[in-house]
Amino acid sequence: MHIEGRIVRLRAVEPDDVETMYAWENDPRVWRVSGTLAPFSRHMLSRFVEEQQFDIYQTRQLRLMIENPEGVPVGTLDLFEFDPRNRRAGVGILIYDQTQRRHGYASDAIATVADYARKVLALHQLWCNVGAGNEASIGLFRNAGFTQAGVKREWNLTPEGFEDELTLQLILN
């Protein structure tokens, strides 16, 4: 499975992606935004990839690899907490390598998955949670049409103290 964007391609995770995901998921710099508290094993990631063969209606989640125009994986995009009854899903995105950021990959990936969510999954909305201090992610989602739906006060403990978390949503109609 793959979904073509304007400049990126979103594709299903493959067994060959385990090593890349192992490096990305076990980088403590990513843990702060992903909510991870402990390292992932290769075995655990291999099982995760195997489970991705099942339908989103079974697993309630979908991970897609984001490839740049050269076909190199630069990040991941997750649909999670998929709720077919209420026609919504959470979305999370990571462009791992700092040198691959600010090339439009994340913006195109969000626009592409929003189109997929609307046309293929018949979703009504996408939502995300972003730390109030994560200006780059807030800007990314706002530029994609997401609007702030709420604030969870002092929600996440950071090295600087407690930080608010914003809930943003995109109505897909």
C-alpha atoms as a PDB file:
ATOM      1  CA  MET A   1       0.000   0.000   0.000  1.00  0.00           C
ATOM      2  CA  HIS A   2       1.225   3.454  -0.810  1.00  0.00           C
ATOM      3  CA  ILE A   3      -0.384   6.854  -1.128  1.00  0.00           C
ATOM      4  CA  GLU A   4       1.159   9.490  -3.380  1.00  0.00           C
ATOM      5  CA  GLY A   5       1.361  13.042  -2.144  1.00  0.00           C
ATOM      6  CA  ARG A   6       2.585  16.097  -3.991  1.00  0.00           C
ATOM      7  CA  ILE A   7       6.223  15.464  -2.945  1.00  0.00           C
ATOM      8  CA  VAL A   8       6.086  12.537  -0.514  1.00  0.00           C
ATOM      9  CA  ARG A   9       4.911   8.977  -0.673  1.00  0.00           C
ATOM     10  CA  LEU A  10       3.197   7.389   2.320  1.00  0.00           C
ATOM     11  CA  ARG A  11       3.626   3.641   2.383  1.00  0.00           C
ATOM     12  CA  ALA A  12       2.946   0.708   4.654  1.00  0.00           C
ATOM     13  CA  VAL A  13       5.736  -0.340   7.004  1.00  0.00           C
ATOM     14  CA  GLU A  14       7.816  -3.280   5.811  1.00  0.00           C
ATOM     15  CA  PRO A  15      10.037  -5.735   7.710  1.00  0.00           C
ATOM     16  CA  ASP A  16      13.051  -3.850   6.302  1.00  0.00           C
ATOM     17  CA  ASP A  17      11.907  -0.753   8.246  1.00  0.00           C
ATOM     18  CA  VAL A  18      12.512  -2.356  11.657  1.00  0.00           C
ATOM     19  CA  GLU A  19      16.120  -1.113  11.899  1.00  0.00           C
ATOM     20  CA  THR A  20      15.141   2.432  10.934  1.00  0.00           C
ATOM     21  CA  MET A  21      12.240   2.429  13.401  1.00  0.00           C
ATOM     22  CA  TYR A  22      14.539   0.943  16.058  1.00  0.00           C
ATOM     23  CA  ALA A  23      16.896   3.921  15.701  1.00  0.00           C
ATOM     24  CA  TRP A  24      14.110   6.501  15.628  1.00  0.00           C
ATOM     25  CA  GLU A  25      11.949   5.051  18.427  1.00  0.00           C
ATOM     26  CA  ASN A  26      14.941   4.609  20.745  1.00  0.00           C
ATOM     27  CA  ASP A  27      16.235   8.157  20.408  1.00  0.00           C
ATOM     28  CA  PRO A  28      15.475   9.888  23.748  1.00  0.00           C
ATOM     29  CA  ARG A  29      15.171  13.235  21.907  1.00  0.00           C
ATOM     30  CA  VAL A  30      11.978  11.900  20.291  1.00  0.00           C
ATOM     31  CA  TRP A  31      10.535  10.482  23.512  1.00  0.00           C
ATOM     32  CA  ARG A  32       9.402  13.873  24.790  1.00  0.00           C
ATOM     33  CA  VAL A  33       6.944  14.365  21.920  1.00  0.00           C
ATOM     34  CA  SER A  34       5.971  10.711  21.516  1.00  0.00           C
ATOM     35  CA  GLY A  35       5.275   9.996  25.180  1.00  0.00           C
ATOM     36  CA  THR A  36       7.766   7.120  25.210  1.00  0.00           C
ATOM     37  CA  LEU A  37       9.304   6.217  28.560  1.00  0.00           C
ATOM     38  CA  ALA A  38      11.347   3.104  27.729  1.00  0.00           C
ATOM     39  CA  PRO A  39      13.303   1.698  24.772  1.00  0.00           C
ATOM     40  CA  PHE A  40      11.728  -0.593  22.180  1.00  0.00           C
ATOM     41  CA  SER A  41      13.281  -3.946  21.293  1.00  0.00           C
ATOM     42  CA  ARG A  42      13.749  -5.119  17.707  1.00  0.00           C
ATOM     43  CA  HIS A  43      11.446  -8.024  18.531  1.00  0.00           C
ATOM     44  CA  MET A  44       8.709  -5.655  19.716  1.00  0.00           C
ATOM     45  CA  LEU A  45       9.054  -3.538  16.565  1.00  0.00           C
ATOM     46  CA  SER A  46       9.022  -6.653  14.363  1.00  0.00           C
ATOM     47  CA  ARG A  47       5.746  -7.722  15.961  1.00  0.00           C
ATOM     48  CA  PHE A  48       4.371  -4.208  15.460  1.00  0.00           C
ATOM     49  CA  VAL A  49       5.232  -4.398  11.747  1.00  0.00           C
ATOM     50  CA  GLU A  50       3.555  -7.808  11.513  1.00  0.00           C
ATOM     51  CA  GLU A  51       0.394  -6.403  13.108  1.00  0.00           C
ATOM     52  CA  GLN A  52       0.303  -3.614  10.527  1.00  0.00           C
ATOM     53  CA  GLN A  53      -0.768  -6.193   7.937  1.00  0.00           C
ATOM     54  CA  PHE A  54      -4.181  -6.191   9.594  1.00  0.00           C
ATOM     55  CA  ASP A  55      -6.901  -3.756   8.670  1.00  0.00           C
ATOM     56  CA  ILE A  56      -7.151  -0.414  10.497  1.00  0.00           C
ATOM     57  CA  TYR A  57     -10.651  -1.498  11.522  1.00  0.00           C
ATOM     58  CA  GLN A  58      -9.083  -4.374  13.490  1.00  0.00           C
ATOM     59  CA  THR A  59      -6.019  -2.687  14.959  1.00  0.00           C
ATOM     60  CA  ARG A  60      -7.497   0.833  15.328  1.00  0.00           C
ATOM     61  CA  GLN A  61      -4.157   2.244  14.172  1.00  0.00           C
ATOM     62  CA  LEU A  62      -2.095   2.669  11.019  1.00  0.00           C
ATOM     63  CA  ARG A  63       1.569   3.563  10.706  1.00  0.00           C
ATOM     64  CA  LEU A  64       2.833   4.873   7.401  1.00  0.00           C
ATOM     65  CA  MET A  65       6.429   5.543   6.411  1.00  0.00           C
ATOM     66  CA  ILE A  66       7.047   8.947   4.823  1.00  0.00           C
ATOM     67  CA  GLU A  67       9.423   8.796   1.857  1.00  0.00           C
ATOM     68  CA  ASN A  68      11.026  11.838   0.253  1.00  0.00           C
ATOM     69  CA  PRO A  69      11.113  12.275  -3.561  1.00  0.00           C
ATOM     70  CA  GLU A  70      14.228  10.055  -3.711  1.00  0.00           C
ATOM     71  CA  GLY A  71      12.342   7.222  -1.994  1.00  0.00           C
ATOM     72  CA  VAL A  72      14.289   7.533   1.272  1.00  0.00           C
ATOM     73  CA  PRO A  73      12.290   7.150   4.505  1.00  0.00           C
ATOM     74  CA  VAL A  74      12.402  10.457   6.378  1.00  0.00           C
ATOM     75  CA  GLY A  75       9.709   9.885   8.968  1.00  0.00           C
ATOM     76  CA  THR A  76       6.493   8.245  10.056  1.00  0.00           C
ATOM     77  CA  LEU A  77       2.861   9.232  10.208  1.00  0.00           C
ATOM     78  CA  ASP A  78       0.468   7.474  12.556  1.00  0.00           C
ATOM     79  CA  LEU A  79      -3.292   7.317  12.614  1.00  0.00           C
ATOM     80  CA  PHE A  80      -4.302   6.104  16.070  1.00  0.00           C
ATOM     81  CA  GLU A  81      -7.365   5.778  18.276  1.00  0.00           C
ATOM     82  CA  PHE A  82      -9.270   5.173  15.040  1.00  0.00           C
ATOM     83  CA  ASP A  83     -12.965   5.461  15.875  1.00  0.00           C
ATOM     84  CA  PRO A  84     -15.111   4.349  12.907  1.00  0.00           C
ATOM     85  CA  ARG A  85     -18.389   4.959  14.753  1.00  0.00           C
ATOM     86  CA  ASN A  86     -17.616   8.634  15.337  1.00  0.00           C
ATOM     87  CA  ARG A  87     -15.509   8.805  12.148  1.00  0.00           C
ATOM     88  CA  ARG A  88     -12.352  10.272  13.675  1.00  0.00           C
ATOM     89  CA  ALA A  89      -8.708   9.426  14.332  1.00  0.00           C
ATOM     90  CA  GLY A  90      -5.722  10.944  16.033  1.00  0.00           C
ATOM     91  CA  VAL A  91      -2.711  11.811  13.893  1.00  0.00           C
ATOM     92  CA  GLY A  92       0.958  11.992  14.841  1.00  0.00           C
ATOM     93  CA  ILE A  93       3.963  12.730  12.672  1.00  0.00           C
ATOM     94  CA  LEU A  94       7.734  12.567  12.923  1.00  0.00           C
ATOM     95  CA  ILE A  95      10.322  13.815  10.464  1.00  0.00           C
ATOM     96  CA  TYR A  96      13.307  12.319  12.225  1.00  0.00           C
ATOM     97  CA  ASP A  97      16.455  13.854  10.734  1.00  0.00           C
ATOM     98  CA  GLN A  98      16.756  17.596  11.385  1.00  0.00           C
ATOM     99  CA  THR A  99      18.313  18.051   7.915  1.00  0.00           C
ATOM    100  CA  GLN A 100      15.137  16.615   6.343  1.00  0.00           C
ATOM    101  CA  ARG A 101      12.889  19.127   8.108  1.00  0.00           C
ATOM    102  CA  ARG A 102      11.612  22.315   6.480  1.00  0.00           C
ATOM    103  CA  HIS A 103      11.405  20.699   3.030  1.00  0.00           C
ATOM    104  CA  GLY A 104       7.599  20.476   3.052  1.00  0.00           C
ATOM    105  CA  TYR A 105       7.538  16.719   3.741  1.00  0.00           C
ATOM    106  CA  ALA A 106       5.448  16.981   6.914  1.00  0.00           C
ATOM    107  CA  SER A 107       2.981  19.439   5.361  1.00  0.00           C
ATOM    108  CA  ASP A 108       2.521  17.238   2.315  1.00  0.00           C
ATOM    109  CA  ALA A 109       2.185  14.109   4.464  1.00  0.00           C
ATOM    110  CA  ILE A 110      -0.550  15.735   6.596  1.00  0.00           C
ATOM    111  CA  ALA A 111      -2.435  16.963   3.505  1.00  0.00           C
ATOM    112  CA  THR A 112      -2.093  13.542   1.873  1.00  0.00           C
ATOM    113  CA  VAL A 113      -3.327  11.604   4.906  1.00  0.00           C
ATOM    114  CA  ALA A 114      -6.200  14.056   5.389  1.00  0.00           C
ATOM    115  CA  ASP A 115      -7.303  13.396   1.806  1.00  0.00           C
ATOM    116  CA  TYR A 116      -6.980   9.627   2.384  1.00  0.00           C
ATOM    117  CA  ALA A 117      -8.914   9.882   5.662  1.00  0.00           C
ATOM    118  CA  ARG A 118     -11.727  11.804   3.942  1.00  0.00           C
ATOM    119  CA  LYS A 119     -11.987   9.809   0.714  1.00  0.00           C
ATOM    120  CA  VAL A 120     -11.009   6.268   1.709  1.00  0.00           C
ATOM    121  CA  LEU A 121     -11.774   5.987   5.430  1.00  0.00           C
ATOM    122  CA  ALA A 122     -14.767   8.389   5.256  1.00  0.00           C
ATOM    123  CA  LEU A 123     -13.597  10.146   8.422  1.00  0.00           C
ATOM    124  CA  HIS A 124     -15.227  13.326   9.632  1.00  0.00           C
ATOM    125  CA  GLN A 125     -12.219  14.628  11.531  1.00  0.00           C
ATOM    126  CA  LEU A 126      -8.580  14.235  12.495  1.00  0.00           C
ATOM    127  CA  TRP A 127      -7.198  15.457  15.815  1.00  0.00           C
ATOM    128  CA  CYS A 128      -3.820  15.774  17.482  1.00  0.00           C
ATOM    129  CA  ASN A 129      -2.292  16.745  20.807  1.00  0.00           C
ATOM    130  CA  VAL A 130       0.749  19.019  20.783  1.00  0.00           C
ATOM    131  CA  GLY A 131       2.812  20.446  23.625  1.00  0.00           C
ATOM    132  CA  ALA A 132       2.251  24.195  23.881  1.00  0.00           C
ATOM    133  CA  GLY A 133       5.993  24.782  23.527  1.00  0.00           C
ATOM    134  CA  ASN A 134       6.282  22.811  20.281  1.00  0.00           C
ATOM    135  CA  GLU A 135       5.908  25.820  17.986  1.00  0.00           C
ATOM    136  CA  ALA A 136       7.003  23.938  14.856  1.00  0.00           C
ATOM    137  CA  SER A 137       4.287  21.280  15.252  1.00  0.00           C
ATOM    138  CA  ILE A 138       1.640  23.826  16.183  1.00  0.00           C
ATOM    139  CA  GLY A 139       2.521  25.799  13.041  1.00  0.00           C
ATOM    140  CA  LEU A 140       2.490  22.633  10.911  1.00  0.00           C
ATOM    141  CA  PHE A 141      -0.988  21.616  12.026  1.00  0.00           C
ATOM    142  CA  ARG A 142      -2.425  25.144  11.918  1.00  0.00           C
ATOM    143  CA  ASN A 143      -1.090  25.610   8.379  1.00  0.00           C
ATOM    144  CA  ALA A 144      -2.819  22.319   7.480  1.00  0.00           C
ATOM    145  CA  GLY A 145      -6.157  23.758   8.627  1.00  0.00           C
ATOM    146  CA  PHE A 146      -6.292  22.346  12.165  1.00  0.00           C
ATOM    147  CA  THR A 147      -7.826  24.648  14.766  1.00  0.00           C
ATOM    148  CA  GLN A 148      -7.368  24.623  18.513  1.00  0.00           C
ATOM    149  CA  ALA A 149     -10.195  22.790  20.260  1.00  0.00           C
ATOM    150  CA  GLY A 150      -8.881  22.847  23.813  1.00  0.00           C
ATOM    151  CA  VAL A 151      -6.044  23.188  26.279  1.00  0.00           C
ATOM    152  CA  LYS A 152      -5.024  20.696  28.936  1.00  0.00           C
ATOM    153  CA  ARG A 153      -3.387  22.857  31.593  1.00  0.00           C
ATOM    154  CA  GLU A 154       0.004  21.781  32.988  1.00  0.00           C
ATOM    155  CA  TRP A 155      -0.511  18.399  31.294  1.00  0.00           C
ATOM    156  CA  ASN A 156       3.045  17.232  30.550  1.00  0.00           C
ATOM    157  CA  LEU A 157       6.076  17.333  32.801  1.00  0.00           C
ATOM    158  CA  THR A 158       9.119  18.618  30.898  1.00  0.00           C
ATOM    159  CA  PRO A 159      12.650  19.401  32.122  1.00  0.00           C
ATOM    160  CA  GLU A 160      11.494  23.029  32.383  1.00  0.00           C
ATOM    161  CA  GLY A 161       8.400  22.182  34.442  1.00  0.00           C
ATOM    162  CA  PHE A 162       4.786  21.435  33.561  1.00  0.00           C
ATOM    163  CA  GLU A 163       3.608  22.432  30.089  1.00  0.00           C
ATOM    164  CA  ASP A 164       0.137  22.827  28.630  1.00  0.00           C
ATOM    165  CA  GLU A 165      -0.954  20.505  25.828  1.00  0.00           C
ATOM    166  CA  LEU A 166      -3.121  21.763  22.975  1.00  0.00           C
ATOM    167  CA  THR A 167      -5.765  19.683  21.240  1.00  0.00           C
ATOM    168  CA  LEU A 168      -6.161  20.606  17.585  1.00  0.00           C
ATOM    169  CA  GLN A 169      -8.691  19.228  15.134  1.00  0.00           C
ATOM    170  CA  LEU A 170      -9.400  19.295  11.428  1.00  0.00           C
ATOM    171  CA  ILE A 171     -12.970  18.848  10.213  1.00  0.00           C
ATOM    172  CA  LEU A 172     -12.721  16.998   6.903  1.00  0.00           C
ATOM    173  CA  ASN A 173     -16.120  17.787   5.330  1.00  0.00           C
END
